[in-house]
Amino acid sequence: MAILLNVNEGVNIMKSVKSYWMETVVCSAKKGKDARLMRMLEARQEMRRRTEGCHKAWISRSVDGQPIFLVQAVYDDEVAWRKCSQRIIDELDHRDGGIDSLLSGPPLVGIFSLNEKDL
């Protein structure tokens, strides 16, 4: 990520700022599947935390009791994100079948830039 600094009129200087990748997923469980989905999401977050290049990973449930989950993780960069994602596919999804069958619909997924100072 770079920020443009206007030093003199008509002259722009680039200053590099360290940024991380923040993955955000919002998903909801099928009726009666929320406890199992929560356990599987927690296992995936724990694996992320133990994978090099992942700084933090957490999960939270909706405060109103609905089976809606916010899943977030912060990575060094795209390479670290891909490494974590592939590890989950290879090790957890292969063993437990993945979370897709527990979801009530497609999750909302986004990747965002996070400044180093905000970590």
C-alpha atoms as a PDB file:
ATOM      1  CA  MET A   1       0.000   0.000   0.000  1.00  0.00           C
ATOM      2  CA  ALA A   2       1.267   3.486  -0.730  1.00  0.00           C
ATOM      3  CA  ILE A   3       0.133   6.923   0.331  1.00  0.00           C
ATOM      4  CA  LEU A   4       0.573  10.005  -1.837  1.00  0.00           C
ATOM      5  CA  LEU A   5       2.037  12.966   0.023  1.00  0.00           C
ATOM      6  CA  ASN A   6       1.627  16.367  -1.593  1.00  0.00           C
ATOM      7  CA  VAL A   7       4.935  18.058  -0.735  1.00  0.00           C
ATOM      8  CA  ASN A   8       5.007  20.772  -3.374  1.00  0.00           C
ATOM      9  CA  GLU A   9       2.218  21.735  -5.688  1.00  0.00           C
ATOM     10  CA  GLY A  10       2.349  19.347  -8.621  1.00  0.00           C
ATOM     11  CA  VAL A  11       4.923  17.033  -6.997  1.00  0.00           C
ATOM     12  CA  ASN A  12       3.815  13.771  -5.383  1.00  0.00           C
ATOM     13  CA  ILE A  13       6.137  11.570  -3.330  1.00  0.00           C
ATOM     14  CA  MET A  14       5.255   7.967  -2.526  1.00  0.00           C
ATOM     15  CA  LYS A  15       5.719   6.775   1.054  1.00  0.00           C
ATOM     16  CA  SER A  16       5.422   3.066   1.655  1.00  0.00           C
ATOM     17  CA  VAL A  17       3.188   1.898   4.506  1.00  0.00           C
ATOM     18  CA  LYS A  18       3.213  -1.705   5.735  1.00  0.00           C
ATOM     19  CA  SER A  19      -0.211  -3.282   5.403  1.00  0.00           C
ATOM     20  CA  TYR A  20      -1.649  -6.689   6.169  1.00  0.00           C
ATOM     21  CA  TRP A  21      -4.450  -8.729   4.654  1.00  0.00           C
ATOM     22  CA  MET A  22      -7.561  -9.033   6.821  1.00  0.00           C
ATOM     23  CA  GLU A  23     -10.018 -11.750   5.845  1.00  0.00           C
ATOM     24  CA  THR A  24     -13.606 -11.239   6.967  1.00  0.00           C
ATOM     25  CA  VAL A  25     -16.358 -13.851   6.637  1.00  0.00           C
ATOM     26  CA  VAL A  26     -19.967 -13.534   7.761  1.00  0.00           C
ATOM     27  CA  CYS A  27     -21.918 -16.779   7.663  1.00  0.00           C
ATOM     28  CA  SER A  28     -25.006 -18.360   9.175  1.00  0.00           C
ATOM     29  CA  ALA A  29     -25.754 -21.924  10.184  1.00  0.00           C
ATOM     30  CA  LYS A  30     -28.640 -24.108   9.130  1.00  0.00           C
ATOM     31  CA  LYS A  31     -31.245 -24.642  11.820  1.00  0.00           C
ATOM     32  CA  GLY A  32     -29.866 -26.918  14.542  1.00  0.00           C
ATOM     33  CA  LYS A  33     -26.323 -26.890  13.116  1.00  0.00           C
ATOM     34  CA  ASP A  34     -24.958 -23.776  14.882  1.00  0.00           C
ATOM     35  CA  ALA A  35     -23.075 -25.580  17.681  1.00  0.00           C
ATOM     36  CA  ARG A  36     -21.311 -27.875  15.226  1.00  0.00           C
ATOM     37  CA  LEU A  37     -20.504 -24.992  12.871  1.00  0.00           C
ATOM     38  CA  MET A  38     -19.082 -23.002  15.793  1.00  0.00           C
ATOM     39  CA  ARG A  39     -16.798 -25.913  16.769  1.00  0.00           C
ATOM     40  CA  MET A  40     -15.608 -26.358  13.191  1.00  0.00           C
ATOM     41  CA  LEU A  41     -14.971 -22.630  12.752  1.00  0.00           C
ATOM     42  CA  GLU A  42     -13.036 -22.564  16.046  1.00  0.00           C
ATOM     43  CA  ALA A  43     -10.866 -25.472  14.839  1.00  0.00           C
ATOM     44  CA  ARG A  44     -10.119 -23.578  11.633  1.00  0.00           C
ATOM     45  CA  GLN A  45      -9.239 -20.400  13.504  1.00  0.00           C
ATOM     46  CA  GLU A  46      -6.910 -22.351  15.791  1.00  0.00           C
ATOM     47  CA  MET A  47      -5.159 -23.815  12.743  1.00  0.00           C
ATOM     48  CA  ARG A  48      -4.807 -20.335  11.263  1.00  0.00           C
ATOM     49  CA  ARG A  49      -3.258 -19.047  14.506  1.00  0.00           C
ATOM     50  CA  ARG A  50      -0.696 -21.877  14.371  1.00  0.00           C
ATOM     51  CA  THR A  51       0.221 -21.195  10.732  1.00  0.00           C
ATOM     52  CA  GLU A  52       3.171 -18.927   9.977  1.00  0.00           C
ATOM     53  CA  GLY A  53       2.079 -15.616   8.503  1.00  0.00           C
ATOM     54  CA  CYS A  54      -1.203 -15.404  10.416  1.00  0.00           C
ATOM     55  CA  HIS A  55      -1.024 -12.790  13.177  1.00  0.00           C
ATOM     56  CA  LYS A  56      -4.476 -13.121  14.713  1.00  0.00           C
ATOM     57  CA  ALA A  57      -7.637 -15.105  14.106  1.00  0.00           C
ATOM     58  CA  TRP A  58     -10.940 -14.952  15.948  1.00  0.00           C
ATOM     59  CA  ILE A  59     -14.612 -15.804  15.700  1.00  0.00           C
ATOM     60  CA  SER A  60     -17.669 -14.243  17.289  1.00  0.00           C
ATOM     61  CA  ARG A  61     -21.344 -15.041  17.338  1.00  0.00           C
ATOM     62  CA  SER A  62     -24.212 -12.598  16.911  1.00  0.00           C
ATOM     63  CA  VAL A  63     -25.237 -11.037  20.237  1.00  0.00           C
ATOM     64  CA  ASP A  64     -28.945 -11.538  19.517  1.00  0.00           C
ATOM     65  CA  GLY A  65     -28.636 -15.342  19.582  1.00  0.00           C
ATOM     66  CA  GLN A  66     -29.039 -15.807  15.855  1.00  0.00           C
ATOM     67  CA  PRO A  67     -26.776 -18.470  14.299  1.00  0.00           C
ATOM     68  CA  ILE A  68     -24.682 -15.780  12.544  1.00  0.00           C
ATOM     69  CA  PHE A  69     -20.896 -15.809  12.870  1.00  0.00           C
ATOM     70  CA  LEU A  70     -18.169 -13.257  12.153  1.00  0.00           C
ATOM     71  CA  VAL A  71     -14.865 -14.931  11.311  1.00  0.00           C
ATOM     72  CA  GLN A  72     -11.754 -12.778  10.899  1.00  0.00           C
ATOM     73  CA  ALA A  73      -8.020 -13.292  10.523  1.00  0.00           C
ATOM     74  CA  VAL A  74      -5.028 -11.057   9.826  1.00  0.00           C
ATOM     75  CA  TYR A  75      -2.200 -12.249   7.550  1.00  0.00           C
ATOM     76  CA  ASP A  76       1.168 -10.878   6.452  1.00  0.00           C
ATOM     77  CA  ASP A  77       0.098 -10.914   2.820  1.00  0.00           C
ATOM     78  CA  GLU A  78      -1.624 -12.887   0.076  1.00  0.00           C
ATOM     79  CA  VAL A  79       0.976 -15.672   0.230  1.00  0.00           C
ATOM     80  CA  ALA A  80       0.302 -16.250   3.946  1.00  0.00           C
ATOM     81  CA  TRP A  81      -3.481 -16.164   3.343  1.00  0.00           C
ATOM     82  CA  ARG A  82      -3.192 -18.771   0.571  1.00  0.00           C
ATOM     83  CA  LYS A  83      -0.927 -20.947   2.730  1.00  0.00           C
ATOM     84  CA  CYS A  84      -3.446 -20.943   5.591  1.00  0.00           C
ATOM     85  CA  SER A  85      -6.391 -21.569   3.282  1.00  0.00           C
ATOM     86  CA  GLN A  86      -4.667 -24.470   1.570  1.00  0.00           C
ATOM     87  CA  ARG A  87      -3.663 -26.018   4.900  1.00  0.00           C
ATOM     88  CA  ILE A  88      -7.290 -25.938   6.076  1.00  0.00           C
ATOM     89  CA  ILE A  89      -8.474 -27.537   2.833  1.00  0.00           C
ATOM     90  CA  ASP A  90      -5.799 -30.239   2.958  1.00  0.00           C
ATOM     91  CA  GLU A  91      -5.950 -31.076   6.659  1.00  0.00           C
ATOM     92  CA  LEU A  92      -9.361 -30.158   8.080  1.00  0.00           C
ATOM     93  CA  ASP A  93     -11.781 -30.210   5.144  1.00  0.00           C
ATOM     94  CA  HIS A  94     -10.346 -33.547   4.053  1.00  0.00           C
ATOM     95  CA  ARG A  95     -10.953 -34.983   7.543  1.00  0.00           C
ATOM     96  CA  ASP A  96     -14.334 -33.457   8.488  1.00  0.00           C
ATOM     97  CA  GLY A  97     -15.930 -32.710   5.117  1.00  0.00           C
ATOM     98  CA  GLY A  98     -15.768 -28.924   5.433  1.00  0.00           C
ATOM     99  CA  ILE A  99     -18.359 -26.457   6.630  1.00  0.00           C
ATOM    100  CA  ASP A 100     -20.430 -25.992   3.459  1.00  0.00           C
ATOM    101  CA  SER A 101     -23.134 -28.496   4.455  1.00  0.00           C
ATOM    102  CA  LEU A 102     -23.703 -26.587   7.731  1.00  0.00           C
ATOM    103  CA  LEU A 103     -24.252 -23.183   6.138  1.00  0.00           C
ATOM    104  CA  SER A 104     -27.743 -21.813   5.459  1.00  0.00           C
ATOM    105  CA  GLY A 105     -26.450 -20.007   2.366  1.00  0.00           C
ATOM    106  CA  PRO A 106     -23.307 -18.634   0.786  1.00  0.00           C
ATOM    107  CA  PRO A 107     -21.071 -16.695   3.185  1.00  0.00           C
ATOM    108  CA  LEU A 108     -20.182 -13.051   2.678  1.00  0.00           C
ATOM    109  CA  VAL A 109     -16.392 -12.940   2.221  1.00  0.00           C
ATOM    110  CA  GLY A 110     -14.022 -10.003   1.889  1.00  0.00           C
ATOM    111  CA  ILE A 111     -10.303  -9.277   2.004  1.00  0.00           C
ATOM    112  CA  PHE A 112      -9.286  -5.876   3.341  1.00  0.00           C
ATOM    113  CA  SER A 113      -6.069  -3.929   3.750  1.00  0.00           C
ATOM    114  CA  LEU A 114      -5.123  -3.296   7.379  1.00  0.00           C
ATOM    115  CA  ASN A 115      -2.438  -0.777   8.302  1.00  0.00           C
ATOM    116  CA  GLU A 116       0.350  -1.972  10.555  1.00  0.00           C
ATOM    117  CA  LYS A 117      -0.500   0.681  13.168  1.00  0.00           C
ATOM    118  CA  ASP A 118      -4.022  -0.771  13.533  1.00  0.00           C
ATOM    119  CA  LEU A 119      -2.867  -4.285  14.312  1.00  0.00           C
END
